[in-house]
Amino acid sequence: MDLQDIFKSVEAEHNHSLRKHGKWIDKPKNEQFEAIDEEIGEWKSAAKRHDIYGEHGEVAEAIQVMNVMARRIMYLTGEDQ
């Protein structure tokens, strides 16, 4: 592997990261957590408006919120690498 291959690999990984986490890049962690709270609030509002989960809505909503938080925590701690 020469220097050009290494550069292409790093560039590809960077582009992948931007697609995956672009809205979080260069933000302090406290702003990232505020954005998480906003997204969770928007998701809850949409779920309530559309009643997409029927009688099991509370359980499904709790699972979704936990999944969102887990993904962000994994990203912030570098566990998703």
Protein backbone atom coordinates (compact mmCIF):
# COMPACT_ATOMS: atom_id res chain seq x y z
CA MET A 1 0.00 0.00 0.00
CA ASP A 2 1.53 3.27 -1.06
CA LEU A 3 0.84 6.79 0.18
CA GLN A 4 -1.81 7.43 -2.49
CA ASP A 5 -3.75 4.31 -1.42
CA ILE A 6 -3.61 5.42 2.21
CA PHE A 7 -4.87 8.87 1.24
CA LYS A 8 -7.78 7.39 -0.75
CA SER A 9 -8.67 5.10 2.15
CA VAL A 10 -8.67 7.95 4.67
CA GLU A 11 -10.68 10.14 2.32
CA ALA A 12 -13.27 7.39 1.79
CA GLU A 13 -13.58 6.84 5.54
CA HIS A 14 -13.95 10.59 6.11
CA ASN A 15 -16.69 10.83 3.48
CA HIS A 16 -18.48 7.87 5.04
CA SER A 17 -18.28 9.52 8.45
CA LEU A 18 -19.65 12.80 7.08
CA ARG A 19 -22.61 10.99 5.54
CA LYS A 20 -23.25 9.13 8.77
CA HIS A 21 -22.59 11.89 11.30
CA GLY A 22 -22.35 15.10 9.27
CA LYS A 23 -24.80 17.09 11.33
CA TRP A 24 -22.77 16.37 14.48
CA ILE A 25 -19.31 17.20 13.16
CA ASP A 26 -17.55 20.11 14.89
CA LYS A 27 -20.24 20.58 17.56
CA PRO A 28 -19.47 20.50 21.29
CA LYS A 29 -20.92 17.50 23.10
CA ASN A 30 -23.47 19.57 25.04
CA GLU A 31 -24.89 20.87 21.73
CA GLN A 32 -24.97 17.32 20.40
CA PHE A 33 -27.02 16.16 23.38
CA GLU A 34 -29.39 19.14 22.98
CA ALA A 35 -29.89 18.13 19.34
CA ILE A 36 -30.63 14.57 20.45
CA ASP A 37 -33.32 15.85 22.81
CA GLU A 38 -34.86 17.90 20.00
CA GLU A 39 -34.90 14.91 17.65
CA ILE A 40 -36.48 12.69 20.28
CA GLY A 41 -39.14 15.34 20.92
CA GLU A 42 -39.90 15.60 17.19
CA TRP A 43 -40.13 11.82 16.89
CA LYS A 44 -42.53 11.61 19.85
CA SER A 45 -44.75 14.34 18.39
CA ALA A 46 -44.89 12.60 15.01
CA ALA A 47 -45.70 9.26 16.63
CA LYS A 48 -48.53 10.79 18.65
CA ARG A 49 -49.94 12.67 15.63
CA HIS A 50 -50.07 9.57 13.48
CA ASP A 51 -50.71 7.04 16.28
CA ILE A 52 -48.40 4.73 14.37
CA TYR A 53 -48.07 2.23 17.19
CA GLY A 54 -51.66 1.75 18.34
CA GLU A 55 -52.05 0.04 21.69
CA HIS A 56 -48.35 -0.83 21.93
CA GLY A 57 -47.26 2.76 21.34
CA GLU A 58 -45.64 3.38 24.71
CA VAL A 59 -43.41 0.32 24.48
CA ALA A 60 -42.42 1.03 20.88
CA GLU A 61 -41.72 4.67 21.70
CA ALA A 62 -39.50 3.74 24.64
CA ILE A 63 -37.55 1.29 22.49
CA GLN A 64 -37.06 3.87 19.74
CA VAL A 65 -35.85 6.51 22.20
CA MET A 66 -33.40 4.04 23.77
CA ASN A 67 -32.08 3.09 20.32
CA VAL A 68 -31.52 6.73 19.34
CA MET A 69 -29.71 7.48 22.59
CA ALA A 70 -27.61 4.31 22.36
CA ARG A 71 -26.46 5.16 18.82
CA ARG A 72 -25.46 8.69 19.85
CA ILE A 73 -23.65 7.51 22.96
CA MET A 74 -21.80 4.90 20.90
CA TYR A 75 -20.78 7.60 18.43
CA LEU A 76 -19.69 10.06 21.11
CA THR A 77 -17.60 7.42 22.86
CA GLY A 78 -16.17 6.00 19.63
CA GLU A 79 -17.73 2.57 20.18
CA ASP A 80 -19.32 2.50 16.71
CA GLN A 81 -15.98 2.48 14.90
